[in-house]
Amino acid sequence: KRKILLLPHLSLWIFVIISCLFIPE
């Protein structure tokens, strides 16, 4: 019975992926 909020997940994904892209592989 906890609401599923998509915005926190979306912002987390953007942040994590961009952070990883700074290290080319």
mmCIF file of all heavy atoms, coordinates in Angstrom:
data_MODEL
# 
_entry.id   MODEL 
# 
loop_
_atom_site.group_PDB 
_atom_site.id 
_atom_site.type_symbol 
_atom_site.label_atom_id 
_atom_site.label_alt_id 
_atom_site.label_comp_id 
_atom_site.label_asym_id 
_atom_site.label_entity_id 
_atom_site.label_seq_id 
_atom_site.pdbx_PDB_ins_code 
_atom_site.Cartn_x 
_atom_site.Cartn_y 
_atom_site.Cartn_z 
_atom_site.occupancy 
_atom_site.B_iso_or_equiv 
_atom_site.pdbx_formal_charge 
_atom_site.auth_seq_id 
_atom_site.auth_comp_id 
_atom_site.auth_asym_id 
_atom_site.auth_atom_id 
_atom_site.pdbx_PDB_model_num 
ATOM 1   N N   . LYS A 1 1  ? 0.815  -1.220 0.000   1.00 0.00 ? 1  LYS A N   1 
ATOM 2   C CA  . LYS A 1 1  ? 0.000  0.000  0.000   1.00 0.00 ? 1  LYS A CA  1 
ATOM 3   C C   . LYS A 1 1  ? 0.848  1.269  0.000   1.00 0.00 ? 1  LYS A C   1 
ATOM 4   O O   . LYS A 1 1  ? 0.504  2.277  0.622   1.00 0.00 ? 1  LYS A O   1 
ATOM 5   C CB  . LYS A 1 1  ? -0.965 -0.004 1.196   1.00 0.00 ? 1  LYS A CB  1 
ATOM 6   C CG  . LYS A 1 1  ? -1.961 -1.148 1.163   1.00 0.00 ? 1  LYS A CG  1 
ATOM 7   C CD  . LYS A 1 1  ? -2.903 -1.118 2.350   1.00 0.00 ? 1  LYS A CD  1 
ATOM 8   C CE  . LYS A 1 1  ? -3.889 -2.279 2.304   1.00 0.00 ? 1  LYS A CE  1 
ATOM 9   N NZ  . LYS A 1 1  ? -4.815 -2.263 3.469   1.00 0.00 ? 1  LYS A NZ  1 
ATOM 10  N N   . ARG A 1 2  ? 1.995  1.179  -0.700  1.00 0.00 ? 2  ARG A N   1 
ATOM 11  C CA  . ARG A 1 2  ? 2.841  2.350  -0.883  1.00 0.00 ? 2  ARG A CA  1 
ATOM 12  C C   . ARG A 1 2  ? 2.704  2.822  -2.329  1.00 0.00 ? 2  ARG A C   1 
ATOM 13  O O   . ARG A 1 2  ? 2.750  2.016  -3.263  1.00 0.00 ? 2  ARG A O   1 
ATOM 14  C CB  . ARG A 1 2  ? 4.297  2.015  -0.586  1.00 0.00 ? 2  ARG A CB  1 
ATOM 15  C CG  . ARG A 1 2  ? 4.546  1.525  0.824   1.00 0.00 ? 2  ARG A CG  1 
ATOM 16  C CD  . ARG A 1 2  ? 4.528  2.645  1.832   1.00 0.00 ? 2  ARG A CD  1 
ATOM 17  N NE  . ARG A 1 2  ? 5.613  3.595  1.619   1.00 0.00 ? 2  ARG A NE  1 
ATOM 18  C CZ  . ARG A 1 2  ? 5.838  4.653  2.377   1.00 0.00 ? 2  ARG A CZ  1 
ATOM 19  N NH1 . ARG A 1 2  ? 5.029  4.926  3.385   1.00 0.00 ? 2  ARG A NH1 1 
ATOM 20  N NH2 . ARG A 1 2  ? 6.857  5.457  2.132   1.00 0.00 ? 2  ARG A NH2 1 
ATOM 21  N N   . LYS A 1 3  ? 2.510  4.107  -2.532  1.00 0.00 ? 3  LYS A N   1 
ATOM 22  C CA  . LYS A 1 3  ? 2.334  4.633  -3.883  1.00 0.00 ? 3  LYS A CA  1 
ATOM 23  C C   . LYS A 1 3  ? 3.615  4.460  -4.701  1.00 0.00 ? 3  LYS A C   1 
ATOM 24  O O   . LYS A 1 3  ? 4.713  4.630  -4.201  1.00 0.00 ? 3  LYS A O   1 
ATOM 25  C CB  . LYS A 1 3  ? 1.967  6.121  -3.823  1.00 0.00 ? 3  LYS A CB  1 
ATOM 26  C CG  . LYS A 1 3  ? 0.572  6.391  -3.283  1.00 0.00 ? 3  LYS A CG  1 
ATOM 27  C CD  . LYS A 1 3  ? 0.279  7.883  -3.323  1.00 0.00 ? 3  LYS A CD  1 
ATOM 28  C CE  . LYS A 1 3  ? -1.124 8.166  -2.811  1.00 0.00 ? 3  LYS A CE  1 
ATOM 29  N NZ  . LYS A 1 3  ? -1.428 9.623  -2.839  1.00 0.00 ? 3  LYS A NZ  1 
ATOM 30  N N   . ILE A 1 4  ? 3.428  4.125  -5.960  1.00 0.00 ? 4  ILE A N   1 
ATOM 31  C CA  . ILE A 1 4  ? 4.561  4.002  -6.877  1.00 0.00 ? 4  ILE A CA  1 
ATOM 32  C C   . ILE A 1 4  ? 4.679  5.318  -7.640  1.00 0.00 ? 4  ILE A C   1 
ATOM 33  O O   . ILE A 1 4  ? 3.845  5.645  -8.475  1.00 0.00 ? 4  ILE A O   1 
ATOM 34  C CB  . ILE A 1 4  ? 4.372  2.827  -7.854  1.00 0.00 ? 4  ILE A CB  1 
ATOM 35  C CG1 . ILE A 1 4  ? 4.287  1.507  -7.091  1.00 0.00 ? 4  ILE A CG1 1 
ATOM 36  C CG2 . ILE A 1 4  ? 5.514  2.781  -8.867  1.00 0.00 ? 4  ILE A CG2 1 
ATOM 37  C CD1 . ILE A 1 4  ? 3.998  0.303  -7.976  1.00 0.00 ? 4  ILE A CD1 1 
ATOM 38  N N   . LEU A 1 5  ? 5.720  6.077  -7.331  1.00 0.00 ? 5  LEU A N   1 
ATOM 39  C CA  . LEU A 1 5  ? 5.961  7.364  -7.982  1.00 0.00 ? 5  LEU A CA  1 
ATOM 40  C C   . LEU A 1 5  ? 7.045  7.184  -9.037  1.00 0.00 ? 5  LEU A C   1 
ATOM 41  O O   . LEU A 1 5  ? 8.163  6.759  -8.723  1.00 0.00 ? 5  LEU A O   1 
ATOM 42  C CB  . LEU A 1 5  ? 6.373  8.409  -6.951  1.00 0.00 ? 5  LEU A CB  1 
ATOM 43  C CG  . LEU A 1 5  ? 5.382  8.643  -5.800  1.00 0.00 ? 5  LEU A CG  1 
ATOM 44  C CD1 . LEU A 1 5  ? 5.954  9.621  -4.797  1.00 0.00 ? 5  LEU A CD1 1 
ATOM 45  C CD2 . LEU A 1 5  ? 4.047  9.145  -6.343  1.00 0.00 ? 5  LEU A CD2 1 
ATOM 46  N N   . LEU A 1 6  ? 6.721  7.501  -10.272 1.00 0.00 ? 6  LEU A N   1 
ATOM 47  C CA  . LEU A 1 6  ? 7.653  7.259  -11.370 1.00 0.00 ? 6  LEU A CA  1 
ATOM 48  C C   . LEU A 1 6  ? 8.743  8.321  -11.470 1.00 0.00 ? 6  LEU A C   1 
ATOM 49  O O   . LEU A 1 6  ? 9.862  8.027  -11.909 1.00 0.00 ? 6  LEU A O   1 
ATOM 50  C CB  . LEU A 1 6  ? 6.880  7.178  -12.698 1.00 0.00 ? 6  LEU A CB  1 
ATOM 51  C CG  . LEU A 1 6  ? 5.891  6.012  -12.821 1.00 0.00 ? 6  LEU A CG  1 
ATOM 52  C CD1 . LEU A 1 6  ? 5.200  6.060  -14.185 1.00 0.00 ? 6  LEU A CD1 1 
ATOM 53  C CD2 . LEU A 1 6  ? 6.601  4.677  -12.648 1.00 0.00 ? 6  LEU A CD2 1 
ATOM 54  N N   . LEU A 1 7  ? 8.446  9.560  -11.092 1.00 0.00 ? 7  LEU A N   1 
ATOM 55  C CA  . LEU A 1 7  ? 9.423  10.641 -11.243 1.00 0.00 ? 7  LEU A CA  1 
ATOM 56  C C   . LEU A 1 7  ? 10.720 10.378 -10.476 1.00 0.00 ? 7  LEU A C   1 
ATOM 57  O O   . LEU A 1 7  ? 11.809 10.581 -11.021 1.00 0.00 ? 7  LEU A O   1 
ATOM 58  C CB  . LEU A 1 7  ? 8.808  11.975 -10.825 1.00 0.00 ? 7  LEU A CB  1 
ATOM 59  C CG  . LEU A 1 7  ? 9.711  13.211 -11.010 1.00 0.00 ? 7  LEU A CG  1 
ATOM 60  C CD1 . LEU A 1 7  ? 10.135 13.344 -12.477 1.00 0.00 ? 7  LEU A CD1 1 
ATOM 61  C CD2 . LEU A 1 7  ? 8.998  14.472 -10.534 1.00 0.00 ? 7  LEU A CD2 1 
ATOM 62  N N   . PRO A 1 8  ? 10.663 9.914  -9.198  1.00 0.00 ? 8  PRO A N   1 
ATOM 63  C CA  . PRO A 1 8  ? 11.919 9.620  -8.498  1.00 0.00 ? 8  PRO A CA  1 
ATOM 64  C C   . PRO A 1 8  ? 12.744 8.550  -9.207  1.00 0.00 ? 8  PRO A C   1 
ATOM 65  O O   . PRO A 1 8  ? 13.977 8.663  -9.277  1.00 0.00 ? 8  PRO A O   1 
ATOM 66  C CB  . PRO A 1 8  ? 11.455 9.134  -7.114  1.00 0.00 ? 8  PRO A CB  1 
ATOM 67  C CG  . PRO A 1 8  ? 10.121 9.770  -6.927  1.00 0.00 ? 8  PRO A CG  1 
ATOM 68  C CD  . PRO A 1 8  ? 9.504  9.772  -8.290  1.00 0.00 ? 8  PRO A CD  1 
ATOM 69  N N   . HIS A 1 9  ? 12.086 7.518  -9.757  1.00 0.00 ? 9  HIS A N   1 
ATOM 70  C CA  . HIS A 1 9  ? 12.806 6.481  -10.489 1.00 0.00 ? 9  HIS A CA  1 
ATOM 71  C C   . HIS A 1 9  ? 13.416 7.051  -11.768 1.00 0.00 ? 9  HIS A C   1 
ATOM 72  O O   . HIS A 1 9  ? 14.569 6.746  -12.108 1.00 0.00 ? 9  HIS A O   1 
ATOM 73  C CB  . HIS A 1 9  ? 11.860 5.326  -10.838 1.00 0.00 ? 9  HIS A CB  1 
ATOM 74  C CG  . HIS A 1 9  ? 11.511 4.451  -9.671  1.00 0.00 ? 9  HIS A CG  1 
ATOM 75  N ND1 . HIS A 1 9  ? 12.357 3.483  -9.186  1.00 0.00 ? 9  HIS A ND1 1 
ATOM 76  C CD2 . HIS A 1 9  ? 10.403 4.418  -8.900  1.00 0.00 ? 9  HIS A CD2 1 
ATOM 77  C CE1 . HIS A 1 9  ? 11.787 2.877  -8.168  1.00 0.00 ? 9  HIS A CE1 1 
ATOM 78  N NE2 . HIS A 1 9  ? 10.598 3.431  -7.968  1.00 0.00 ? 9  HIS A NE2 1 
ATOM 79  N N   . LEU A 1 10 ? 12.646 7.882  -12.460 1.00 0.00 ? 10 LEU A N   1 
ATOM 80  C CA  . LEU A 1 10 ? 13.127 8.464  -13.711 1.00 0.00 ? 10 LEU A CA  1 
ATOM 81  C C   . LEU A 1 10 ? 14.339 9.367  -13.466 1.00 0.00 ? 10 LEU A C   1 
ATOM 82  O O   . LEU A 1 10 ? 15.347 9.274  -14.185 1.00 0.00 ? 10 LEU A O   1 
ATOM 83  C CB  . LEU A 1 10 ? 12.002 9.270  -14.374 1.00 0.00 ? 10 LEU A CB  1 
ATOM 84  C CG  . LEU A 1 10 ? 12.350 9.960  -15.706 1.00 0.00 ? 10 LEU A CG  1 
ATOM 85  C CD1 . LEU A 1 10 ? 12.753 8.931  -16.745 1.00 0.00 ? 10 LEU A CD1 1 
ATOM 86  C CD2 . LEU A 1 10 ? 11.163 10.793 -16.200 1.00 0.00 ? 10 LEU A CD2 1 
ATOM 87  N N   . SER A 1 11 ? 14.260 10.219 -12.446 1.00 0.00 ? 11 SER A N   1 
ATOM 88  C CA  . SER A 1 11 ? 15.377 11.109 -12.145 1.00 0.00 ? 11 SER A CA  1 
ATOM 89  C C   . SER A 1 11 ? 16.593 10.315 -11.688 1.00 0.00 ? 11 SER A C   1 
ATOM 90  O O   . SER A 1 11 ? 17.742 10.666 -12.006 1.00 0.00 ? 11 SER A O   1 
ATOM 91  C CB  . SER A 1 11 ? 14.975 12.133 -11.078 1.00 0.00 ? 11 SER A CB  1 
ATOM 92  O OG  . SER A 1 11 ? 14.620 11.502 -9.862  1.00 0.00 ? 11 SER A OG  1 
ATOM 93  N N   . LEU A 1 12 ? 16.351 9.228  -10.965 1.00 0.00 ? 12 LEU A N   1 
ATOM 94  C CA  . LEU A 1 12 ? 17.448 8.362  -10.533 1.00 0.00 ? 12 LEU A CA  1 
ATOM 95  C C   . LEU A 1 12 ? 18.144 7.723  -11.729 1.00 0.00 ? 12 LEU A C   1 
ATOM 96  O O   . LEU A 1 12 ? 19.381 7.684  -11.810 1.00 0.00 ? 12 LEU A O   1 
ATOM 97  C CB  . LEU A 1 12 ? 16.913 7.281  -9.588  1.00 0.00 ? 12 LEU A CB  1 
ATOM 98  C CG  . LEU A 1 12 ? 17.918 6.253  -9.079  1.00 0.00 ? 12 LEU A CG  1 
ATOM 99  C CD1 . LEU A 1 12 ? 18.935 6.915  -8.171  1.00 0.00 ? 12 LEU A CD1 1 
ATOM 100 C CD2 . LEU A 1 12 ? 17.205 5.132  -8.336  1.00 0.00 ? 12 LEU A CD2 1 
ATOM 101 N N   . TRP A 1 13 ? 17.352 7.227  -12.667 1.00 0.00 ? 13 TRP A N   1 
ATOM 102 C CA  . TRP A 1 13 ? 17.906 6.596  -13.873 1.00 0.00 ? 13 TRP A CA  1 
ATOM 103 C C   . TRP A 1 13 ? 18.759 7.593  -14.673 1.00 0.00 ? 13 TRP A C   1 
ATOM 104 O O   . TRP A 1 13 ? 19.855 7.263  -15.116 1.00 0.00 ? 13 TRP A O   1 
ATOM 105 C CB  . TRP A 1 13 ? 16.777 6.047  -14.738 1.00 0.00 ? 13 TRP A CB  1 
ATOM 106 C CG  . TRP A 1 13 ? 16.360 4.668  -14.345 1.00 0.00 ? 13 TRP A CG  1 
ATOM 107 C CD1 . TRP A 1 13 ? 15.812 4.278  -13.160 1.00 0.00 ? 13 TRP A CD1 1 
ATOM 108 C CD2 . TRP A 1 13 ? 16.475 3.491  -15.141 1.00 0.00 ? 13 TRP A CD2 1 
ATOM 109 N NE1 . TRP A 1 13 ? 15.563 2.938  -13.168 1.00 0.00 ? 13 TRP A NE1 1 
ATOM 110 C CE2 . TRP A 1 13 ? 15.961 2.418  -14.376 1.00 0.00 ? 13 TRP A CE2 1 
ATOM 111 C CE3 . TRP A 1 13 ? 16.938 3.232  -16.428 1.00 0.00 ? 13 TRP A CE3 1 
ATOM 112 C CZ2 . TRP A 1 13 ? 15.915 1.115  -14.848 1.00 0.00 ? 13 TRP A CZ2 1 
ATOM 113 C CZ3 . TRP A 1 13 ? 16.891 1.932  -16.904 1.00 0.00 ? 13 TRP A CZ3 1 
ATOM 114 C CH2 . TRP A 1 13 ? 16.396 0.893  -16.116 1.00 0.00 ? 13 TRP A CH2 1 
ATOM 115 N N   . ILE A 1 14 ? 18.230 8.791  -14.858 1.00 0.00 ? 14 ILE A N   1 
ATOM 116 C CA  . ILE A 1 14 ? 18.957 9.810  -15.628 1.00 0.00 ? 14 ILE A CA  1 
ATOM 117 C C   . ILE A 1 14 ? 20.287 10.126 -14.947 1.00 0.00 ? 14 ILE A C   1 
ATOM 118 O O   . ILE A 1 14 ? 21.345 10.182 -15.592 1.00 0.00 ? 14 ILE A O   1 
ATOM 119 C CB  . ILE A 1 14 ? 18.107 11.088 -15.780 1.00 0.00 ? 14 ILE A CB  1 
ATOM 120 C CG1 . ILE A 1 14 ? 16.881 10.799 -16.659 1.00 0.00 ? 14 ILE A CG1 1 
ATOM 121 C CG2 . ILE A 1 14 ? 18.939 12.225 -16.376 1.00 0.00 ? 14 ILE A CG2 1 
ATOM 122 C CD1 . ILE A 1 14 ? 15.880 11.948 -16.714 1.00 0.00 ? 14 ILE A CD1 1 
ATOM 123 N N   . PHE A 1 15 ? 20.237 10.319 -13.640 1.00 0.00 ? 15 PHE A N   1 
ATOM 124 C CA  . PHE A 1 15 ? 21.442 10.659 -12.891 1.00 0.00 ? 15 PHE A CA  1 
ATOM 125 C C   . PHE A 1 15 ? 22.486 9.543  -12.959 1.00 0.00 ? 15 PHE A C   1 
ATOM 126 O O   . PHE A 1 15 ? 23.665 9.787  -13.233 1.00 0.00 ? 15 PHE A O   1 
ATOM 127 C CB  . PHE A 1 15 ? 21.077 10.944 -11.433 1.00 0.00 ? 15 PHE A CB  1 
ATOM 128 C CG  . PHE A 1 15 ? 22.269 11.144 -10.541 1.00 0.00 ? 15 PHE A CG  1 
ATOM 129 C CD1 . PHE A 1 15 ? 22.960 12.339 -10.546 1.00 0.00 ? 15 PHE A CD1 1 
ATOM 130 C CD2 . PHE A 1 15 ? 22.693 10.129 -9.703  1.00 0.00 ? 15 PHE A CD2 1 
ATOM 131 C CE1 . PHE A 1 15 ? 24.066 12.537 -9.731  1.00 0.00 ? 15 PHE A CE1 1 
ATOM 132 C CE2 . PHE A 1 15 ? 23.799 10.305 -8.885  1.00 0.00 ? 15 PHE A CE2 1 
ATOM 133 C CZ  . PHE A 1 15 ? 24.484 11.508 -8.898  1.00 0.00 ? 15 PHE A CZ  1 
ATOM 134 N N   . VAL A 1 16 ? 22.063 8.304  -12.707 1.00 0.00 ? 16 VAL A N   1 
ATOM 135 C CA  . VAL A 1 16 ? 22.993 7.170  -12.672 1.00 0.00 ? 16 VAL A CA  1 
ATOM 136 C C   . VAL A 1 16 ? 23.607 6.923  -14.050 1.00 0.00 ? 16 VAL A C   1 
ATOM 137 O O   . VAL A 1 16 ? 24.826 6.741  -14.177 1.00 0.00 ? 16 VAL A O   1 
ATOM 138 C CB  . VAL A 1 16 ? 22.283 5.904  -12.166 1.00 0.00 ? 16 VAL A CB  1 
ATOM 139 C CG1 . VAL A 1 16 ? 23.177 4.671  -12.337 1.00 0.00 ? 16 VAL A CG1 1 
ATOM 140 C CG2 . VAL A 1 16 ? 21.882 6.066  -10.706 1.00 0.00 ? 16 VAL A CG2 1 
ATOM 141 N N   . ILE A 1 17 ? 22.784 6.906  -15.079 1.00 0.00 ? 17 ILE A N   1 
ATOM 142 C CA  . ILE A 1 17 ? 23.293 6.619  -16.426 1.00 0.00 ? 17 ILE A CA  1 
ATOM 143 C C   . ILE A 1 17 ? 24.258 7.701  -16.893 1.00 0.00 ? 17 ILE A C   1 
ATOM 144 O O   . ILE A 1 17 ? 25.327 7.407  -17.446 1.00 0.00 ? 17 ILE A O   1 
ATOM 145 C CB  . ILE A 1 17 ? 22.124 6.453  -17.421 1.00 0.00 ? 17 ILE A CB  1 
ATOM 146 C CG1 . ILE A 1 17 ? 21.357 5.163  -17.098 1.00 0.00 ? 17 ILE A CG1 1 
ATOM 147 C CG2 . ILE A 1 17 ? 22.637 6.402  -18.860 1.00 0.00 ? 17 ILE A CG2 1 
ATOM 148 C CD1 . ILE A 1 17 ? 20.102 4.955  -17.935 1.00 0.00 ? 17 ILE A CD1 1 
ATOM 149 N N   . ILE A 1 18 ? 23.902 8.973  -16.671 1.00 0.00 ? 18 ILE A N   1 
ATOM 150 C CA  . ILE A 1 18 ? 24.802 10.061 -17.072 1.00 0.00 ? 18 ILE A CA  1 
ATOM 151 C C   . ILE A 1 18 ? 26.118 9.972  -16.311 1.00 0.00 ? 18 ILE A C   1 
ATOM 152 O O   . ILE A 1 18 ? 27.204 10.174 -16.873 1.00 0.00 ? 18 ILE A O   1 
ATOM 153 C CB  . ILE A 1 18 ? 24.127 11.426 -16.854 1.00 0.00 ? 18 ILE A CB  1 
ATOM 154 C CG1 . ILE A 1 18 ? 22.983 11.621 -17.859 1.00 0.00 ? 18 ILE A CG1 1 
ATOM 155 C CG2 . ILE A 1 18 ? 25.143 12.559 -16.990 1.00 0.00 ? 18 ILE A CG2 1 
ATOM 156 C CD1 . ILE A 1 18 ? 22.224 12.912 -17.685 1.00 0.00 ? 18 ILE A CD1 1 
ATOM 157 N N   . SER A 1 19 ? 26.053 9.638  -15.015 1.00 0.00 ? 19 SER A N   1 
ATOM 158 C CA  . SER A 1 19 ? 27.281 9.502  -14.225 1.00 0.00 ? 19 SER A CA  1 
ATOM 159 C C   . SER A 1 19 ? 28.183 8.411  -14.783 1.00 0.00 ? 19 SER A C   1 
ATOM 160 O O   . SER A 1 19 ? 29.409 8.577  -14.853 1.00 0.00 ? 19 SER A O   1 
ATOM 161 C CB  . SER A 1 19 ? 26.938 9.178  -12.759 1.00 0.00 ? 19 SER A CB  1 
ATOM 162 O OG  . SER A 1 19 ? 26.210 10.226 -12.159 1.00 0.00 ? 19 SER A OG  1 
ATOM 163 N N   . CYS A 1 20 ? 27.589 7.307  -15.197 1.00 0.00 ? 20 CYS A N   1 
ATOM 164 C CA  . CYS A 1 20 ? 28.374 6.196  -15.751 1.00 0.00 ? 20 CYS A CA  1 
ATOM 165 C C   . CYS A 1 20 ? 28.934 6.523  -17.129 1.00 0.00 ? 20 CYS A C   1 
ATOM 166 O O   . CYS A 1 20 ? 30.017 6.056  -17.498 1.00 0.00 ? 20 CYS A O   1 
ATOM 167 C CB  . CYS A 1 20 ? 27.522 4.929  -15.818 1.00 0.00 ? 20 CYS A CB  1 
ATOM 168 S SG  . CYS A 1 20 ? 27.108 4.232  -14.192 1.00 0.00 ? 20 CYS A SG  1 
ATOM 169 N N   . LEU A 1 21 ? 28.215 7.326  -17.890 1.00 0.00 ? 21 LEU A N   1 
ATOM 170 C CA  . LEU A 1 21 ? 28.676 7.669  -19.240 1.00 0.00 ? 21 LEU A CA  1 
ATOM 171 C C   . LEU A 1 21 ? 29.939 8.519  -19.226 1.00 0.00 ? 21 LEU A C   1 
ATOM 172 O O   . LEU A 1 21 ? 30.642 8.606  -20.235 1.00 0.00 ? 21 LEU A O   1 
ATOM 173 C CB  . LEU A 1 21 ? 27.569 8.400  -20.000 1.00 0.00 ? 21 LEU A CB  1 
ATOM 174 C CG  . LEU A 1 21 ? 26.356 7.558  -20.416 1.00 0.00 ? 21 LEU A CG  1 
ATOM 175 C CD1 . LEU A 1 21 ? 25.324 8.427  -21.120 1.00 0.00 ? 21 LEU A CD1 1 
ATOM 176 C CD2 . LEU A 1 21 ? 26.774 6.397  -21.303 1.00 0.00 ? 21 LEU A CD2 1 
ATOM 177 N N   . PHE A 1 22 ? 30.232 9.144  -18.075 1.00 0.00 ? 22 PHE A N   1 
ATOM 178 C CA  . PHE A 1 22 ? 31.448 9.952  -17.979 1.00 0.00 ? 22 PHE A CA  1 
ATOM 179 C C   . PHE A 1 22 ? 32.701 9.077  -17.948 1.00 0.00 ? 22 PHE A C   1 
ATOM 180 O O   . PHE A 1 22 ? 33.813 9.597  -18.030 1.00 0.00 ? 22 PHE A O   1 
ATOM 181 C CB  . PHE A 1 22 ? 31.402 10.839 -16.730 1.00 0.00 ? 22 PHE A CB  1 
ATOM 182 C CG  . PHE A 1 22 ? 30.639 12.117 -16.931 1.00 0.00 ? 22 PHE A CG  1 
ATOM 183 C CD1 . PHE A 1 22 ? 29.373 12.280 -16.399 1.00 0.00 ? 22 PHE A CD1 1 
ATOM 184 C CD2 . PHE A 1 22 ? 31.186 13.161 -17.667 1.00 0.00 ? 22 PHE A CD2 1 
ATOM 185 C CE1 . PHE A 1 22 ? 28.672 13.456 -16.576 1.00 0.00 ? 22 PHE A CE1 1 
ATOM 186 C CE2 . PHE A 1 22 ? 30.487 14.347 -17.846 1.00 0.00 ? 22 PHE A CE2 1 
ATOM 187 C CZ  . PHE A 1 22 ? 29.223 14.492 -17.305 1.00 0.00 ? 22 PHE A CZ  1 
ATOM 188 N N   . ILE A 1 23 ? 32.499 7.757  -17.801 1.00 0.00 ? 23 ILE A N   1 
ATOM 189 C CA  . ILE A 1 23 ? 33.640 6.834  -17.814 1.00 0.00 ? 23 ILE A CA  1 
ATOM 190 C C   . ILE A 1 23 ? 33.476 5.923  -19.030 1.00 0.00 ? 23 ILE A C   1 
ATOM 191 O O   . ILE A 1 23 ? 32.820 4.881  -18.962 1.00 0.00 ? 23 ILE A O   1 
ATOM 192 C CB  . ILE A 1 23 ? 33.696 6.003  -16.519 1.00 0.00 ? 23 ILE A CB  1 
ATOM 193 C CG1 . ILE A 1 23 ? 33.689 6.931  -15.301 1.00 0.00 ? 23 ILE A CG1 1 
ATOM 194 C CG2 . ILE A 1 23 ? 34.945 5.131  -16.489 1.00 0.00 ? 23 ILE A CG2 1 
ATOM 195 C CD1 . ILE A 1 23 ? 33.622 6.220  -13.980 1.00 0.00 ? 23 ILE A CD1 1 
ATOM 196 N N   . PRO A 1 24 ? 34.004 6.298  -20.194 1.00 0.00 ? 24 PRO A N   1 
ATOM 197 C CA  . PRO A 1 24 ? 33.822 5.516  -21.434 1.00 0.00 ? 24 PRO A CA  1 
ATOM 198 C C   . PRO A 1 24 ? 34.332 4.075  -21.277 1.00 0.00 ? 24 PRO A C   1 
ATOM 199 O O   . PRO A 1 24 ? 35.336 3.823  -20.621 1.00 0.00 ? 24 PRO A O   1 
ATOM 200 C CB  . PRO A 1 24 ? 34.665 6.288  -22.461 1.00 0.00 ? 24 PRO A CB  1 
ATOM 201 C CG  . PRO A 1 24 ? 34.802 7.663  -21.892 1.00 0.00 ? 24 PRO A CG  1 
ATOM 202 C CD  . PRO A 1 24 ? 34.848 7.484  -20.406 1.00 0.00 ? 24 PRO A CD  1 
ATOM 203 N N   . GLU A 1 25 ? 33.591 3.161  -21.889 1.00 0.00 ? 25 GLU A N   1 
ATOM 204 C CA  . GLU A 1 25 ? 33.962 1.745  -21.798 1.00 0.00 ? 25 GLU A CA  1 
ATOM 205 C C   . GLU A 1 25 ? 33.394 1.004  -23.018 1.00 0.00 ? 25 GLU A C   1 
ATOM 206 O O   . GLU A 1 25 ? 32.196 1.048  -23.278 1.00 0.00 ? 25 GLU A O   1 
ATOM 207 C CB  . GLU A 1 25 ? 33.406 1.134  -20.499 1.00 0.00 ? 25 GLU A CB  1 
ATOM 208 C CG  . GLU A 1 25 ? 33.731 -0.334 -20.326 1.00 0.00 ? 25 GLU A CG  1 
ATOM 209 C CD  . GLU A 1 25 ? 33.054 -0.908 -19.091 1.00 0.00 ? 25 GLU A CD  1 
ATOM 210 O OE1 . GLU A 1 25 ? 32.508 -0.132 -18.268 1.00 0.00 ? 25 GLU A OE1 1 
ATOM 211 O OE2 . GLU A 1 25 ? 33.061 -2.149 -18.955 1.00 0.00 ? 25 GLU A OE2 1 
# 
